[in-house]
Amino acid sequence: MVRNFTHWEKNKMTMTASETKEKMAYSVDEISEQTTLSKAFLRNEIRAGNLKVRRCGRRVLILKDDFMNYLNGENADEK
């Protein structure tokens, strides 16, 4: 038997699926909130070339893998 889902049930399933997805990139503000690192420190590390970022328009995004590499002491220019 095939079950027909209501519009609300379909939206609920979609929201649940998207909520379980892990973020691939974070803003400077998000990383600052999740760690003890200040926004100013993170921006200085970006300017110094120690922390690799991607720019999408005006947004500055730090990929999760790039931030983990930074925390592990890998240089931004190594990859």
Protein backbone atom coordinates (compact mmCIF):
# COMPACT_ATOMS: atom_id res chain seq x y z
CA MET A 1 0.00 0.00 0.00
CA VAL A 2 1.33 3.44 -0.95
CA ARG A 3 0.84 6.15 1.63
CA ASN A 4 0.03 9.65 0.50
CA PHE A 5 1.73 12.23 2.68
CA THR A 6 0.09 15.53 3.45
CA HIS A 7 1.86 18.77 2.55
CA TRP A 8 2.76 19.31 6.21
CA GLU A 9 4.26 15.81 6.56
CA LYS A 10 6.40 16.33 3.43
CA ASN A 11 7.71 19.63 4.79
CA LYS A 12 8.41 18.03 8.17
CA MET A 13 10.44 15.25 6.53
CA THR A 14 12.39 17.79 4.47
CA MET A 15 13.17 19.94 7.51
CA THR A 16 14.31 16.90 9.45
CA ALA A 17 16.61 15.80 6.64
CA SER A 18 18.15 19.26 6.29
CA GLU A 19 18.60 19.64 10.05
CA THR A 20 20.75 16.51 10.16
CA LYS A 21 23.10 17.77 7.44
CA GLU A 22 26.42 18.94 8.76
CA LYS A 23 27.64 22.36 7.70
CA MET A 24 30.58 22.45 5.30
CA ALA A 25 31.56 26.08 5.88
CA TYR A 26 31.30 28.60 8.69
CA SER A 27 31.51 32.36 9.01
CA VAL A 28 34.07 34.04 11.26
CA ASP A 29 31.25 34.83 13.70
CA GLU A 30 30.13 31.19 13.85
CA ILE A 31 33.64 29.89 14.50
CA SER A 32 34.17 32.56 17.14
CA GLU A 33 30.96 31.49 18.90
CA GLN A 34 31.90 27.80 18.82
CA THR A 35 35.48 28.29 20.04
CA THR A 36 37.30 30.55 22.46
CA LEU A 37 38.93 32.41 19.55
CA SER A 38 37.92 36.04 19.12
CA LYS A 39 36.71 37.46 15.81
CA ALA A 40 39.67 39.86 15.76
CA PHE A 41 42.13 36.99 16.22
CA LEU A 42 40.51 34.97 13.44
CA ARG A 43 40.56 37.97 11.08
CA ASN A 44 44.24 38.57 11.87
CA GLU A 45 45.02 34.92 11.11
CA ILE A 46 43.15 35.24 7.79
CA ARG A 47 45.09 38.42 6.89
CA ALA A 48 48.38 36.75 7.79
CA GLY A 49 47.52 33.85 5.48
CA ASN A 50 47.47 31.28 8.28
CA LEU A 51 43.77 30.46 7.94
CA LYS A 52 42.42 29.70 4.50
CA VAL A 53 39.06 31.23 3.52
CA ARG A 54 36.67 31.28 0.59
CA ARG A 55 34.83 34.41 -0.41
CA CYS A 56 31.26 34.33 -1.70
CA GLY A 57 30.44 37.90 -2.60
CA ARG A 58 31.01 39.83 0.63
CA ARG A 59 30.82 36.75 2.84
CA VAL A 60 33.99 35.22 4.18
CA LEU A 61 33.58 31.48 4.68
CA ILE A 62 35.93 29.05 6.33
CA LEU A 63 35.57 25.46 5.19
CA LYS A 64 35.31 22.93 7.99
CA ASP A 65 38.29 20.96 6.65
CA ASP A 66 40.42 24.11 6.36
CA PHE A 67 39.64 25.08 9.95
CA MET A 68 40.44 21.57 11.21
CA ASN A 69 43.76 21.72 9.31
CA TYR A 70 44.47 25.09 10.93
CA LEU A 71 43.77 23.67 14.40
CA ASN A 72 46.06 20.71 13.66
CA GLY A 73 48.89 23.11 12.80
CA GLU A 74 48.90 22.56 9.05
CA ASN A 75 49.86 25.66 7.07
CA ALA A 76 47.24 27.16 4.75
CA ASP A 77 49.71 27.07 1.84
CA GLU A 78 50.54 23.37 2.19
CA LYS A 79 47.48 22.16 0.27
